[in-house]
Amino acid sequence: MDHLEKHTLTVSRGFTYTFYTSPASPSNAGHPAILLCHGWPDSAELWDDISKELLSLPNRLVIPDLLGYGGTSKPTDPSAYASELMVQDIMEVLASVGVSGPNSILPIGHDWGSFLAQRVYLFGPEHCAGLGMVNVSYMPPSGEPYSMEMMNEMTQQAFGYPGFAYWEVFASDTGHELLDQHPESVWCVAHGQGENWLLVNWCKYGAMAEYIGNGKTDPLKSYAGPERTERRERWLKQMKEAGFAGPQCWYRASVKGVHVEGEKKIAQETLLITKPTLFIGCTQDQVCRLEMIESTKPLLPNLMTKTIESGHWSPWEKPAEVSAAILEYVRSNGL
């Protein structure tokens, strides 16, 4: 991330955020700042390659380490991860570098970062010029705690397997302890290169606990393996020092219904997003399947969809294609 400026800010909740920006420039005027939100178990570095391509745009870039990750505070109480509160944090981060006002933000997110980017929009649509979602499609508030059982039943019926079986570990109150014991296995289960990798290791009851609990390792995709050894080593160092208690709170908060009360403040009419939206779906992501966008398309009348031959970590696996999709979306919509 050496091509960007590094900042820290202690927000009003007392948490310290680390984030990166492109330099402020007169060319930023009239263009929303692009807010890039990473997911599990990453950091702002997820956007390293892509941010270099996006520097060709007049838009300013703002890329935070989200709560629980990287150089940002890592509370272990799931209630700290309420969507309304994290959006408040992000708005303070943006304001600290002069990003505020109508249509001043273009939130784009991957994985859990897509969830947060959506909430940045839904809690403040007047501040947002659009919305971008990578791998994880639109998830309007349901008004209920997330139900693993219901989601696994739905994916079993739709796709023939329980797509969220891995949540039995990830959302458990003690799941982080297992991950802390074998971070190398966590990296491998995320980025292994075997056929139907996610289907075998993520979408089968007991498979995630078995893989990590037994300390398994396997050959890695090129973006996570020998070609990018420094990426793996930085991540392992970070997770060995900080642990997974913070990152897993994103899952625990969801099943405990932490978001529900705050999200009741989102007006129903806001769920229809008429501003330009982007969804990048990936053909080899058996967890966050690209078909999942179909049920919410009526709420996204100004949607651009792009399909990429990639697994779940598309910003690393196919950075050129993800960058091209974002560039086309921004330019074609005059953002």
Protein backbone atom coordinates (compact mmCIF):
# COMPACT_ATOMS: atom_id res chain seq x y z
CA MET A 1 0.00 0.00 0.00
CA ASP A 2 3.05 2.24 -0.40
CA HIS A 3 1.37 4.12 -3.25
CA LEU A 4 -1.22 5.50 -0.80
CA GLU A 5 -1.12 7.75 2.26
CA LYS A 6 -1.56 6.03 5.62
CA HIS A 7 -3.71 7.58 8.35
CA THR A 8 -5.02 6.74 11.81
CA LEU A 9 -8.06 8.19 13.54
CA THR A 10 -9.65 7.54 16.91
CA VAL A 11 -13.40 7.74 16.35
CA SER A 12 -15.96 8.91 18.89
CA ARG A 13 -16.55 5.34 20.10
CA GLY A 14 -12.92 5.20 21.20
CA PHE A 15 -11.74 2.77 18.52
CA THR A 16 -8.70 3.58 16.39
CA TYR A 17 -8.98 3.06 12.64
CA THR A 18 -6.07 2.70 10.25
CA PHE A 19 -6.90 3.66 6.68
CA TYR A 20 -5.29 4.59 3.39
CA THR A 21 -6.11 7.32 0.90
CA SER A 22 -4.93 8.56 -2.44
CA PRO A 23 -3.61 12.13 -2.21
CA ALA A 24 -6.23 14.87 -2.26
CA SER A 25 -6.31 16.62 -5.63
CA PRO A 26 -8.31 19.38 -7.34
CA SER A 27 -9.45 16.68 -9.78
CA ASN A 28 -11.46 15.08 -6.95
CA ALA A 29 -14.00 17.91 -7.11
CA GLY A 30 -17.39 16.75 -8.34
CA HIS A 31 -16.54 13.06 -7.97
CA PRO A 32 -17.45 10.80 -5.04
CA ALA A 33 -14.64 9.29 -3.02
CA ILE A 34 -14.45 5.55 -3.64
CA LEU A 35 -14.67 3.73 -0.31
CA LEU A 36 -13.22 0.21 -0.65
CA CYS A 37 -14.27 -2.21 2.11
CA HIS A 38 -12.56 -5.58 2.56
CA GLY A 39 -14.06 -8.69 4.11
CA TRP A 40 -13.00 -11.73 6.14
CA PRO A 41 -10.19 -12.40 7.01
CA ASP A 42 -8.45 -9.60 5.18
CA SER A 43 -7.39 -5.98 5.56
CA ALA A 44 -7.07 -2.94 3.33
CA GLU A 45 -4.34 -4.88 1.51
CA LEU A 46 -7.05 -6.83 -0.31
CA TRP A 47 -7.39 -3.76 -2.54
CA ASP A 48 -3.66 -3.21 -3.12
CA ASP A 49 -3.53 -4.25 -6.79
CA ILE A 50 -6.93 -2.81 -7.63
CA SER A 51 -6.27 0.56 -6.03
CA LYS A 52 -3.27 1.03 -8.32
CA GLU A 53 -5.58 0.71 -11.33
CA LEU A 54 -8.23 3.00 -9.83
CA LEU A 55 -5.69 5.81 -9.43
CA SER A 56 -6.42 6.57 -13.09
CA LEU A 57 -9.82 7.92 -12.00
CA PRO A 58 -10.37 11.46 -10.71
CA ASN A 59 -12.05 9.99 -7.63
CA ARG A 60 -10.22 9.94 -4.32
CA LEU A 61 -9.71 6.50 -2.77
CA VAL A 62 -10.35 5.71 0.90
CA ILE A 63 -9.47 2.18 2.03
CA PRO A 64 -9.83 1.30 5.73
CA ASP A 65 -8.77 -1.65 7.78
CA LEU A 66 -12.24 -2.46 9.07
CA LEU A 67 -13.07 -3.11 12.71
CA GLY A 68 -11.29 -6.22 13.96
CA TYR A 69 -8.58 -6.19 11.30
CA GLY A 70 -5.14 -4.89 10.40
CA GLY A 71 -4.12 -1.73 12.21
CA THR A 72 -7.65 -1.01 13.44
CA SER A 73 -8.99 -1.76 16.93
CA LYS A 74 -10.14 -5.32 17.53
CA PRO A 75 -12.93 -5.42 20.13
CA THR A 76 -14.11 -8.91 21.05
CA ASP A 77 -17.69 -8.02 22.03
CA PRO A 78 -20.01 -8.68 19.07
CA SER A 79 -22.19 -5.71 20.06
CA ALA A 80 -19.35 -3.39 18.98
CA TYR A 81 -19.87 -4.63 15.42
CA ALA A 82 -23.45 -3.38 15.02
CA SER A 83 -23.84 -2.16 11.45
CA GLU A 84 -25.20 1.23 12.49
CA LEU A 85 -22.19 1.84 14.75
CA MET A 86 -19.62 0.71 12.19
CA VAL A 87 -21.21 2.99 9.60
CA GLN A 88 -20.92 5.84 12.10
CA ASP A 89 -17.21 5.02 12.45
CA ILE A 90 -16.71 4.99 8.69
CA MET A 91 -18.47 8.32 8.26
CA GLU A 92 -16.12 9.83 10.84
CA VAL A 93 -13.13 8.36 9.01
CA LEU A 94 -14.35 9.87 5.74
CA ALA A 95 -15.06 13.25 7.29
CA SER A 96 -11.54 13.36 8.74
CA VAL A 97 -10.13 13.54 5.21
CA GLY A 98 -12.73 15.98 3.93
CA VAL A 99 -15.24 13.54 2.45
CA SER A 100 -18.77 14.61 3.35
CA GLY A 101 -21.96 15.96 1.85
CA PRO A 102 -24.47 14.78 -0.76
CA ASN A 103 -23.26 12.12 -3.21
CA SER A 104 -19.75 12.32 -1.76
CA ILE A 105 -19.22 8.57 -1.28
CA LEU A 106 -19.17 5.57 -3.59
CA PRO A 107 -19.02 2.52 -1.29
CA ILE A 108 -17.73 -0.71 -2.83
CA GLY A 109 -17.17 -3.87 -0.82
CA HIS A 110 -16.11 -7.51 -1.00
CA ASP A 111 -17.43 -10.29 1.25
CA TRP A 112 -18.40 -8.74 4.64
CA GLY A 113 -17.17 -5.48 3.16
CA SER A 114 -20.07 -5.70 0.72
CA PHE A 115 -22.43 -5.94 3.68
CA LEU A 116 -20.85 -2.84 5.23
CA ALA A 117 -20.80 -0.93 1.93
CA GLN A 118 -24.52 -1.66 1.59
CA ARG A 119 -25.14 -0.35 5.12
CA VAL A 120 -23.13 2.81 4.39
CA TYR A 121 -25.60 3.36 1.56
CA LEU A 122 -28.76 2.35 3.42
CA PHE A 123 -28.04 4.43 6.53
CA GLY A 124 -27.17 7.48 4.43
CA PRO A 125 -28.39 7.22 0.83
CA GLU A 126 -28.14 10.98 0.41
CA HIS A 127 -24.37 10.76 0.96
CA CYS A 128 -23.85 8.00 -1.63
CA ALA A 129 -23.58 8.28 -5.40
CA GLY A 130 -24.00 4.54 -5.94
CA LEU A 131 -23.04 1.14 -4.55
CA GLY A 132 -20.68 -1.63 -5.62
CA MET A 133 -20.82 -5.25 -4.47
CA VAL A 134 -18.11 -7.84 -5.15
CA ASN A 135 -18.97 -11.55 -4.74
CA VAL A 136 -21.59 -10.85 -2.06
CA SER A 137 -24.90 -9.64 -3.49
CA TYR A 138 -27.49 -7.27 -2.05
CA MET A 139 -28.72 -8.18 1.44
CA PRO A 140 -31.57 -5.90 2.52
CA PRO A 141 -32.27 -5.95 6.27
CA SER A 142 -34.64 -8.77 7.21
CA GLY A 143 -35.61 -7.46 10.63
CA GLU A 144 -34.54 -10.76 12.18
CA PRO A 145 -31.26 -12.29 13.41
CA TYR A 146 -29.42 -14.22 10.73
CA SER A 147 -30.52 -17.86 10.75
CA MET A 148 -27.86 -20.35 9.70
CA GLU A 149 -30.46 -23.10 9.65
CA MET A 150 -32.76 -21.21 7.31
CA MET A 151 -29.95 -20.17 4.95
CA ASN A 152 -28.59 -23.70 4.79
CA GLU A 153 -32.06 -25.07 4.07
CA MET A 154 -32.51 -22.50 1.30
CA THR A 155 -29.17 -23.27 -0.32
CA GLN A 156 -29.76 -27.00 0.04
CA GLN A 157 -33.02 -26.63 -1.87
CA ALA A 158 -31.62 -24.23 -4.46
CA PHE A 159 -28.14 -25.65 -5.07
CA GLY A 160 -28.10 -29.09 -3.49
CA TYR A 161 -25.79 -28.33 -0.56
CA PRO A 162 -25.69 -26.27 2.66
CA GLY A 163 -23.83 -23.21 1.43
CA PHE A 164 -23.23 -21.78 4.88
CA ALA A 165 -22.26 -24.94 6.77
CA TYR A 166 -18.95 -23.33 7.76
CA TRP A 167 -20.84 -20.86 9.96
CA GLU A 168 -21.09 -23.65 12.56
CA VAL A 169 -17.44 -22.81 13.28
CA PHE A 170 -17.20 -19.18 12.21
CA ALA A 171 -20.22 -17.93 14.18
CA SER A 172 -19.57 -20.04 17.27
CA ASP A 173 -18.64 -18.21 20.46
CA THR A 174 -15.51 -20.36 20.65
CA GLY A 175 -14.77 -20.75 16.94
CA HIS A 176 -11.98 -18.19 17.02
CA GLU A 177 -10.04 -20.41 19.43
CA LEU A 178 -9.84 -23.15 16.80
CA LEU A 179 -8.71 -20.67 14.14
CA ASP A 180 -6.09 -19.21 16.48
CA GLN A 181 -4.51 -22.65 16.86
CA HIS A 182 -3.91 -23.17 13.13
CA PRO A 183 -3.70 -19.88 11.17
CA GLU A 184 -1.75 -21.61 8.39
CA SER A 185 -4.72 -23.94 7.90
CA VAL A 186 -7.09 -20.98 7.82
CA TRP A 187 -5.05 -19.44 4.99
CA CYS A 188 -5.06 -22.74 3.12
CA VAL A 189 -8.77 -23.45 3.56
CA ALA A 190 -9.47 -19.97 2.19
CA HIS A 191 -7.08 -20.07 -0.76
CA GLY A 192 -6.55 -23.74 -1.67
CA GLN A 193 -6.55 -24.61 -5.35
CA GLY A 194 -8.33 -27.96 -5.39
CA GLU A 195 -11.37 -28.63 -7.56
CA ASN A 196 -14.64 -27.39 -6.02
CA TRP A 197 -12.54 -26.22 -3.10
CA LEU A 198 -15.20 -24.20 -1.31
CA LEU A 199 -17.85 -26.84 -1.92
CA VAL A 200 -15.72 -29.55 -0.31
CA ASN A 201 -14.33 -27.59 2.64
CA TRP A 202 -16.90 -24.88 3.35
CA CYS A 203 -20.28 -26.25 2.29
CA LYS A 204 -20.29 -29.54 4.16
CA TYR A 205 -21.15 -29.93 7.83
CA GLY A 206 -18.09 -30.69 9.92
CA ALA A 207 -15.62 -30.06 7.08
CA MET A 208 -14.31 -26.69 8.28
CA ALA A 209 -13.74 -27.93 11.84
CA GLU A 210 -11.99 -31.03 10.52
CA TYR A 211 -9.72 -29.12 8.14
CA ILE A 212 -8.58 -26.48 10.60
CA GLY A 213 -8.69 -28.69 13.69
CA ASN A 214 -6.35 -31.20 12.06
CA GLY A 215 -3.96 -28.47 10.96
CA LYS A 216 -4.26 -29.39 7.30
CA THR A 217 -2.45 -27.56 4.52
CA ASP A 218 -2.72 -27.88 0.75
CA PRO A 219 -1.34 -26.33 -2.43
CA LEU A 220 -2.45 -22.73 -2.84
CA LYS A 221 -3.75 -20.60 -5.66
CA SER A 222 -0.98 -18.51 -7.19
CA TYR A 223 -2.10 -15.23 -5.63
CA ALA A 224 -1.77 -16.79 -2.14
CA GLY A 225 1.18 -19.10 -2.67
CA PRO A 226 4.76 -19.04 -3.92
CA GLU A 227 4.21 -16.12 -6.30
CA ARG A 228 3.04 -13.91 -3.44
CA THR A 229 4.87 -15.31 -0.42
CA GLU A 230 5.15 -11.89 1.19
CA ARG A 231 1.35 -11.54 1.16
CA ARG A 232 0.92 -14.81 3.03
CA GLU A 233 3.70 -14.01 5.52
CA ARG A 234 2.26 -10.58 6.35
CA TRP A 235 -1.16 -12.08 6.93
CA LEU A 236 0.17 -14.91 9.12
CA LYS A 237 2.22 -12.49 11.22
CA GLN A 238 -0.80 -10.26 11.69
CA MET A 239 -3.17 -13.06 12.65
CA LYS A 240 -0.69 -14.78 14.97
CA GLU A 241 -0.31 -11.49 16.83
CA ALA A 242 -3.96 -10.37 16.87
CA GLY A 243 -5.92 -13.59 16.62
CA PHE A 244 -9.38 -14.22 15.19
CA ALA A 245 -11.57 -13.09 18.09
CA GLY A 246 -12.23 -9.75 16.40
CA PRO A 247 -12.81 -10.97 12.83
CA GLN A 248 -15.21 -13.70 13.96
CA CYS A 249 -17.36 -11.06 15.66
CA TRP A 250 -18.69 -10.14 12.23
CA TYR A 251 -20.33 -13.59 12.12
CA ARG A 252 -21.30 -13.70 15.79
CA ALA A 253 -22.94 -10.27 15.61
CA SER A 254 -25.10 -11.46 12.73
CA VAL A 255 -26.44 -14.61 14.42
CA LYS A 256 -26.98 -12.76 17.71
CA GLY A 257 -29.16 -10.15 16.01
CA VAL A 258 -26.84 -7.28 16.88
CA HIS A 259 -27.78 -5.36 13.72
CA VAL A 260 -31.54 -5.65 14.04
CA GLU A 261 -32.46 -2.69 16.24
CA GLY A 262 -30.26 -0.20 14.43
CA GLU A 263 -31.41 -1.35 11.01
CA LYS A 264 -35.05 -0.73 11.96
CA LYS A 265 -34.18 2.94 11.40
CA ILE A 266 -33.65 2.31 7.69
CA ALA A 267 -36.72 3.50 5.80
CA GLN A 268 -38.41 0.83 3.68
CA GLU A 269 -38.33 3.06 0.61
CA THR A 270 -34.54 3.25 0.93
CA LEU A 271 -34.25 -0.47 0.18
CA LEU A 272 -35.08 0.33 -3.45
CA ILE A 273 -31.73 1.62 -4.71
CA THR A 274 -32.29 3.72 -7.80
CA LYS A 275 -28.76 5.08 -7.97
CA PRO A 276 -26.22 3.20 -10.12
CA THR A 277 -25.22 -0.15 -8.64
CA LEU A 278 -22.61 -2.74 -9.59
CA PHE A 279 -22.49 -6.45 -8.83
CA ILE A 280 -19.45 -8.55 -9.69
CA GLY A 281 -20.29 -12.24 -9.45
CA CYS A 282 -17.83 -15.11 -9.73
CA THR A 283 -18.43 -18.46 -11.38
CA GLN A 284 -16.29 -20.51 -8.98
CA ASP A 285 -17.64 -19.07 -5.73
CA GLN A 286 -19.82 -21.87 -4.39
CA VAL A 287 -20.57 -19.99 -1.15
CA CYS A 288 -21.56 -16.54 -2.39
CA ARG A 289 -23.05 -17.71 -5.65
CA LEU A 290 -23.61 -15.20 -8.40
CA GLU A 291 -27.23 -16.39 -8.77
CA MET A 292 -28.02 -14.87 -5.38
CA ILE A 293 -28.34 -11.44 -6.99
CA GLU A 294 -31.44 -12.56 -8.91
CA SER A 295 -33.92 -12.33 -6.03
CA THR A 296 -32.96 -8.73 -5.27
CA LYS A 297 -32.76 -7.39 -8.82
CA PRO A 298 -36.21 -5.76 -8.51
CA LEU A 299 -34.69 -3.56 -5.78
CA LEU A 300 -31.76 -2.61 -8.03
CA PRO A 301 -33.29 -1.08 -11.17
CA ASN A 302 -30.03 0.62 -12.19
CA LEU A 303 -27.80 -2.44 -11.85
CA MET A 304 -24.70 -3.31 -13.87
CA THR A 305 -23.66 -6.95 -13.52
CA LYS A 306 -20.28 -8.43 -14.40
CA THR A 307 -19.34 -12.11 -14.29
CA ILE A 308 -15.75 -13.18 -13.69
CA GLU A 309 -14.16 -16.63 -13.86
CA SER A 310 -12.85 -16.65 -10.30
CA GLY A 311 -13.26 -18.04 -6.83
CA HIS A 312 -14.33 -16.04 -3.80
CA TRP A 313 -11.25 -13.83 -3.40
CA SER A 314 -11.61 -12.20 -6.81
CA PRO A 315 -9.81 -8.94 -5.90
CA TRP A 316 -6.65 -11.03 -5.48
CA GLU A 317 -7.32 -13.80 -8.00
CA LYS A 318 -8.49 -11.60 -10.87
CA PRO A 319 -7.50 -8.00 -10.02
CA ALA A 320 -7.40 -6.88 -13.66
CA GLU A 321 -10.96 -8.05 -14.30
CA VAL A 322 -12.33 -6.60 -11.06
CA SER A 323 -10.55 -3.31 -11.74
CA ALA A 324 -11.90 -3.17 -15.29
CA ALA A 325 -15.46 -3.74 -14.05
CA ILE A 326 -15.18 -0.97 -11.46
CA LEU A 327 -13.61 1.43 -13.95
CA GLU A 328 -16.38 0.77 -16.49
CA TYR A 329 -19.07 1.21 -13.84
CA VAL A 330 -17.64 4.50 -12.58
CA ARG A 331 -16.97 5.97 -16.02
CA SER A 332 -20.17 4.85 -17.71
CA ASN A 333 -22.24 6.39 -14.92
CA GLY A 334 -20.29 9.63 -14.83
CA LEU A 335 -19.22 9.07 -11.24
